[in-house]
Amino acid sequence: MGSLIHNFNERFHFSTPSTLQPDLPLLVYLPGMDGTGELLRSQINKGLSTAFNLQCLAMPAHDLSSWDQLTEKVVGLLRSQFRHSRPDTVYLCGESFGGCLALKIALKAPELFDRLILINPASCFMGQALLHFGSHLTGWLPPPIYALSVMGLLPFLAALGRIARSERNTLLAAMQSVPQPTSTWRVNLLREFEMNSHELSRIRQPVLAIASTGDRLLPSAAEATRLTYSIPNAKQVLLPDSGHACLLETDVNLYKLLKDHDFLTRPKPISAVA
C-alpha cells in the first residue's frame, strides 16, 4: 500500500479536500510554489465547500516541468476528467505561482473553464529586480542555510499577525515540503514568465483578480490593476493589510468575497415534474 501512495504522490493529480459534490459547480485550485494544495484547506469550512465541488492540483515534489509541460499536464488532467461529462460551471482558481499557470491554461484551453479567479498571481515577478537577484542565490545556498532562509521568508509571504498559529505551521510545512532544486526551478519559471496585454486580451471569461495591498513579496495590487485593464471582463478586489498568503488569514473568506462581488453562478431552477 505504501508504494501505491508513493507512486500516486509522484504524479500530477487532483486531490479532493472535502466531500465530492458533483452537482455543485467545480472549483479547481492551482496552488502556489509548494504545489500541495494544502493552503486552501483553511477556506473549506468558511463556506467554500457548500458552494463548490472542490479539487486541488497536487504537483510532485521533484517535478521540473517547463511552463508548457505544466500547462499540458493540467489540461490533460481536466480533459480526461471531462471525457464523459463536463460540469455546467467550472471555476479555475490560481494563487501566486498557480495564478501564472491559470493564465497559461486560459490561453491554451479556454473551453475547459467558465470563470477565472486569480489570487496574488506571481505574473509580475519578472519585473522585480531585487527578487531576481535574491532568486539567483537560492540554488547556491548550502542545504542548512537554505532551510533557514525558508523560515526567514515567512514575514514576506504572510502577514503573520493576521494568521493563527496553526496556519503559520501549515504554511511553513508547505514551504519546507519543496526540495531545494524544485524551489530553484520554480523560481526560475517565475523569472521567465511573461504575458503581454495582447495575450491577456484574449481571455474572455469573467475574471476576478484578488490582491493584497500589504503584500511584501510582490506588488500584487498594481498587478491586479494591470490584469483588469488588459482582460476585457475582469474586475479587481483589494484586501487591505493582507499579505501574500492571504487565504490563510483568519479574516479572509474567499466564499464571501466571491458572493459579495457577484462572482457566484446562480443555481439552475429545478424543473417541475409533469
Protein backbone atom coordinates (compact mmCIF):
# COMPACT_ATOMS: atom_id res chain seq x y z
CA MET A 1 0.00 0.00 0.00
CA GLY A 2 2.88 2.37 0.86
CA SER A 3 4.38 2.07 -2.63
CA LEU A 4 0.99 2.80 -4.22
CA ILE A 5 0.67 6.02 -2.20
CA HIS A 6 4.27 6.95 -3.08
CA ASN A 7 3.63 6.43 -6.79
CA PHE A 8 0.41 8.45 -6.56
CA ASN A 9 2.24 11.36 -4.95
CA GLU A 10 4.90 11.28 -7.64
CA ARG A 11 2.49 12.19 -10.43
CA PHE A 12 0.20 15.11 -11.15
CA HIS A 13 -3.26 14.55 -9.75
CA PHE A 14 -6.27 16.30 -8.29
CA SER A 15 -6.89 15.83 -4.58
CA THR A 16 -10.33 16.30 -3.06
CA PRO A 17 -10.13 18.25 0.22
CA SER A 18 -13.83 17.84 1.02
CA THR A 19 -16.72 15.52 0.21
CA LEU A 20 -17.33 15.13 -3.52
CA GLN A 21 -20.41 17.10 -4.57
CA PRO A 22 -20.71 16.62 -8.36
CA ASP A 23 -23.98 18.59 -8.54
CA LEU A 24 -22.21 21.80 -7.48
CA PRO A 25 -20.00 23.99 -9.70
CA LEU A 26 -16.45 22.64 -9.89
CA LEU A 27 -13.64 24.78 -8.47
CA VAL A 28 -10.15 23.66 -9.49
CA TYR A 29 -7.47 25.21 -7.26
CA LEU A 30 -3.94 25.64 -8.64
CA PRO A 31 -1.53 26.12 -5.71
CA GLY A 32 1.49 28.31 -5.14
CA MET A 33 5.10 27.15 -5.37
CA ASP A 34 4.61 24.49 -2.70
CA GLY A 35 2.46 22.61 -5.20
CA THR A 36 0.48 20.79 -2.50
CA GLY A 37 -2.92 22.48 -2.44
CA GLU A 38 -2.83 22.27 1.37
CA LEU A 39 -3.09 26.05 1.79
CA LEU A 40 -6.70 26.07 0.58
CA ARG A 41 -7.87 23.91 3.47
CA SER A 42 -8.45 26.80 5.87
CA GLN A 43 -11.07 28.17 3.46
CA ILE A 44 -13.06 24.97 3.10
CA ASN A 45 -15.12 25.38 6.27
CA LYS A 46 -15.76 29.06 5.60
CA GLY A 47 -18.49 28.28 3.10
CA LEU A 48 -16.41 27.20 0.12
CA SER A 49 -17.42 23.55 0.40
CA THR A 50 -21.11 24.47 0.43
CA ALA A 51 -20.85 26.29 -2.90
CA PHE A 52 -18.34 24.17 -4.86
CA ASN A 53 -17.17 20.71 -5.67
CA LEU A 54 -13.51 21.30 -4.78
CA GLN A 55 -10.41 19.82 -6.38
CA CYS A 56 -6.81 20.85 -5.73
CA LEU A 57 -3.93 20.25 -8.09
CA ALA A 58 -1.03 18.41 -6.45
CA MET A 59 2.36 18.61 -8.17
CA PRO A 60 5.12 16.09 -7.47
CA ALA A 61 7.77 17.50 -5.14
CA HIS A 62 10.59 16.73 -7.57
CA ASP A 63 8.86 17.84 -10.77
CA LEU A 64 10.93 20.11 -13.03
CA SER A 65 8.44 20.74 -15.83
CA SER A 66 8.54 23.82 -18.06
CA TRP A 67 5.53 26.13 -18.29
CA ASP A 68 4.42 24.40 -21.48
CA GLN A 69 4.74 20.98 -19.87
CA LEU A 70 2.88 22.08 -16.72
CA THR A 71 0.11 23.53 -18.85
CA GLU A 72 -0.18 20.35 -20.95
CA LYS A 73 -0.30 18.16 -17.84
CA VAL A 74 -3.09 20.11 -16.16
CA VAL A 75 -5.05 20.48 -19.40
CA GLY A 76 -4.66 16.73 -19.91
CA LEU A 77 -5.98 16.03 -16.40
CA LEU A 78 -9.01 18.24 -16.98
CA ARG A 79 -9.78 16.80 -20.42
CA SER A 80 -9.52 13.29 -19.04
CA GLN A 81 -11.87 14.19 -16.21
CA PHE A 82 -14.36 15.81 -18.60
CA ARG A 83 -14.22 12.96 -21.12
CA HIS A 84 -17.73 11.73 -20.33
CA SER A 85 -19.32 14.90 -19.00
CA ARG A 86 -18.25 18.42 -18.17
CA PRO A 87 -19.76 20.23 -15.18
CA ASP A 88 -22.14 23.05 -16.06
CA THR A 89 -19.79 25.57 -14.45
CA VAL A 90 -16.04 25.26 -13.90
CA TYR A 91 -14.02 27.79 -11.91
CA LEU A 92 -10.25 27.89 -12.31
CA CYS A 93 -8.60 29.42 -9.24
CA GLY A 94 -4.87 30.12 -9.25
CA GLU A 95 -2.88 31.52 -6.32
CA SER A 96 0.61 33.04 -6.71
CA PHE A 97 2.60 30.55 -8.87
CA GLY A 98 -0.73 28.87 -9.63
CA GLY A 99 -2.04 32.20 -10.92
CA CYS A 100 0.61 32.14 -13.65
CA LEU A 101 -0.33 28.56 -14.50
CA ALA A 102 -4.02 29.52 -14.61
CA LEU A 103 -3.26 32.29 -17.13
CA LYS A 104 -1.35 29.81 -19.30
CA ILE A 105 -4.29 27.38 -19.21
CA ALA A 106 -6.70 30.21 -20.03
CA LEU A 107 -4.88 30.78 -23.31
CA LYS A 108 -4.24 27.12 -24.09
CA ALA A 109 -7.68 25.64 -23.38
CA PRO A 110 -10.33 28.30 -22.68
CA GLU A 111 -13.12 25.79 -23.34
CA LEU A 112 -12.30 23.92 -20.13
CA PHE A 113 -13.48 26.55 -17.67
CA ASP A 114 -16.07 29.32 -17.32
CA ARG A 115 -14.66 31.68 -14.68
CA LEU A 116 -11.17 32.55 -13.52
CA ILE A 117 -10.05 33.61 -10.03
CA LEU A 118 -6.54 34.97 -9.59
CA ILE A 119 -5.21 35.44 -6.06
CA ASN A 120 -2.00 37.49 -5.80
CA PRO A 121 -0.74 35.99 -9.07
CA ALA A 122 3.05 35.99 -9.42
CA SER A 123 2.75 37.18 -13.03
CA CYS A 124 4.69 40.34 -12.15
CA PHE A 125 7.75 38.51 -10.74
CA MET A 126 9.89 39.22 -13.79
CA GLY A 127 9.83 42.97 -13.19
CA GLN A 128 11.12 42.79 -9.61
CA ALA A 129 14.88 43.41 -9.71
CA LEU A 130 15.52 42.61 -6.03
CA LEU A 131 13.60 39.34 -6.24
CA HIS A 132 15.53 38.47 -9.39
CA PHE A 133 18.82 38.96 -7.54
CA GLY A 134 17.70 37.00 -4.48
CA SER A 135 16.23 34.18 -6.52
CA HIS A 136 19.55 33.56 -8.25
CA LEU A 137 21.11 32.87 -4.85
CA THR A 138 18.73 30.11 -3.76
CA GLY A 139 20.35 27.46 -5.92
CA TRP A 140 23.79 28.19 -4.48
CA LEU A 141 22.92 28.07 -0.78
CA PRO A 142 24.14 25.07 1.24
CA PRO A 143 21.11 22.96 2.32
CA PRO A 144 21.23 24.00 6.02
CA ILE A 145 21.36 27.68 5.07
CA TYR A 146 18.57 27.16 2.53
CA ALA A 147 16.39 25.61 5.26
CA LEU A 148 16.95 28.69 7.43
CA SER A 149 16.23 31.01 4.51
CA VAL A 150 12.82 29.37 4.08
CA MET A 151 11.96 30.33 7.65
CA GLY A 152 13.25 33.84 7.03
CA LEU A 153 10.81 34.23 4.13
CA LEU A 154 7.75 33.80 6.34
CA PRO A 155 7.29 37.51 7.20
CA PHE A 156 7.40 38.33 3.46
CA LEU A 157 4.98 35.57 2.48
CA ALA A 158 2.37 36.29 5.13
CA ALA A 159 1.00 38.96 7.46
CA LEU A 160 1.79 36.76 10.46
CA GLY A 161 -0.30 38.80 12.88
CA ARG A 162 -3.40 38.01 10.83
CA ILE A 163 -2.80 34.24 10.79
CA ALA A 164 -3.48 31.70 13.52
CA ARG A 165 -0.50 29.75 14.84
CA SER A 166 -1.78 26.51 13.32
CA GLU A 167 -1.96 28.14 9.88
CA ARG A 168 1.57 29.50 10.26
CA ASN A 169 2.73 25.95 10.89
CA THR A 170 0.80 24.79 7.80
CA LEU A 171 2.49 27.45 5.68
CA LEU A 172 5.96 26.57 6.97
CA ALA A 173 5.36 22.85 6.42
CA ALA A 174 4.20 23.52 2.85
CA MET A 175 7.30 25.60 2.14
CA GLN A 176 9.62 23.01 3.63
CA SER A 177 7.99 20.23 1.61
CA VAL A 178 9.56 21.59 -1.60
CA PRO A 179 13.13 20.31 -2.19
CA GLN A 180 15.73 22.98 -2.90
CA PRO A 181 16.25 22.02 -6.59
CA THR A 182 12.49 22.17 -7.19
CA SER A 183 12.17 25.51 -5.44
CA THR A 184 15.04 26.92 -7.51
CA TRP A 185 13.46 25.58 -10.71
CA ARG A 186 10.04 27.05 -9.98
CA VAL A 187 11.55 30.42 -9.11
CA ASN A 188 13.34 30.28 -12.46
CA LEU A 189 9.97 29.69 -14.13
CA LEU A 190 8.59 32.81 -12.44
CA ARG A 191 11.59 34.80 -13.68
CA GLU A 192 10.78 33.67 -17.23
CA PHE A 193 7.02 34.20 -17.03
CA GLU A 194 5.67 36.94 -19.26
CA MET A 195 2.20 37.61 -20.63
CA ASN A 196 1.62 40.83 -22.51
CA SER A 197 -1.56 42.88 -22.87
CA HIS A 198 -2.38 41.39 -26.26
CA GLU A 199 -2.31 37.85 -24.86
CA LEU A 200 -4.32 38.88 -21.80
CA SER A 201 -6.95 40.48 -24.03
CA ARG A 202 -7.70 37.03 -25.49
CA ILE A 203 -9.11 35.85 -22.15
CA ARG A 204 -12.88 36.26 -22.48
CA GLN A 205 -14.20 34.58 -19.35
CA PRO A 206 -15.19 36.64 -16.29
CA VAL A 207 -12.07 37.13 -14.14
CA LEU A 208 -11.80 38.18 -10.50
CA ALA A 209 -8.32 39.39 -9.53
CA ILE A 210 -7.92 39.36 -5.74
CA ALA A 211 -4.89 41.29 -4.48
CA SER A 212 -3.38 42.07 -1.08
CA THR A 213 -2.37 45.67 -0.53
CA GLY A 214 0.01 44.59 2.23
CA ASP A 215 1.85 42.03 0.08
CA ARG A 216 5.55 42.36 0.97
CA LEU A 217 6.66 39.83 -1.63
CA LEU A 218 5.11 41.20 -4.82
CA PRO A 219 3.28 44.39 -5.92
CA SER A 220 0.06 42.42 -6.16
CA ALA A 221 -2.31 45.40 -6.12
CA ALA A 222 -0.55 47.02 -9.08
CA GLU A 223 -0.54 43.70 -10.93
CA ALA A 224 -4.26 43.25 -10.34
CA THR A 225 -4.82 46.68 -11.86
CA ARG A 226 -2.73 45.73 -14.90
CA LEU A 227 -4.62 42.48 -15.37
CA THR A 228 -8.06 44.07 -15.04
CA TYR A 229 -7.07 46.77 -17.51
CA SER A 230 -5.93 44.18 -20.09
CA ILE A 231 -8.54 41.42 -19.63
CA PRO A 232 -11.90 42.50 -21.11
CA ASN A 233 -14.22 41.00 -18.49
CA ALA A 234 -12.15 41.37 -15.33
CA LYS A 235 -12.54 43.18 -12.05
CA GLN A 236 -10.29 43.50 -9.05
CA VAL A 237 -10.78 43.15 -5.31
CA LEU A 238 -8.24 44.68 -2.94
CA LEU A 239 -7.66 43.21 0.53
CA PRO A 240 -6.47 45.97 2.89
CA ASP A 241 -3.49 44.96 5.07
CA SER A 242 -3.44 41.35 3.86
CA GLY A 243 -0.18 39.61 2.99
CA HIS A 244 0.79 37.40 0.06
CA ALA A 245 -0.61 34.17 1.56
CA CYS A 246 -3.95 35.83 2.21
CA LEU A 247 -6.10 32.69 2.16
CA LEU A 248 -4.57 31.63 5.48
CA GLU A 249 -5.70 34.80 7.23
CA THR A 250 -8.46 34.49 9.81
CA ASP A 251 -10.47 37.41 8.43
CA VAL A 252 -10.23 36.46 4.73
CA ASN A 253 -13.18 34.45 3.44
CA LEU A 254 -12.90 33.51 -0.24
CA TYR A 255 -16.50 32.32 -0.48
CA LYS A 256 -17.77 35.64 0.92
CA LEU A 257 -15.55 37.59 -1.46
CA LEU A 258 -16.98 35.69 -4.42
CA LYS A 259 -20.51 36.21 -3.13
CA ASP A 260 -20.07 39.90 -2.32
CA HIS A 261 -18.63 40.62 -5.76
CA ASP A 262 -21.34 38.70 -7.61
CA PHE A 263 -18.96 36.02 -8.84
CA LEU A 264 -21.08 33.02 -7.92
CA THR A 265 -23.27 31.47 -10.59
CA ARG A 266 -26.97 31.14 -9.87
CA PRO A 267 -28.20 27.59 -9.33
CA LYS A 268 -30.30 26.21 -12.14
CA PRO A 269 -34.03 26.06 -11.35
CA ILE A 270 -35.36 22.57 -10.68
CA SER A 271 -37.76 21.54 -13.41
CA ALA A 272 -41.27 20.77 -12.25
CA VAL A 273 -42.26 17.15 -12.57
CA ALA A 274 -45.11 16.74 -15.08
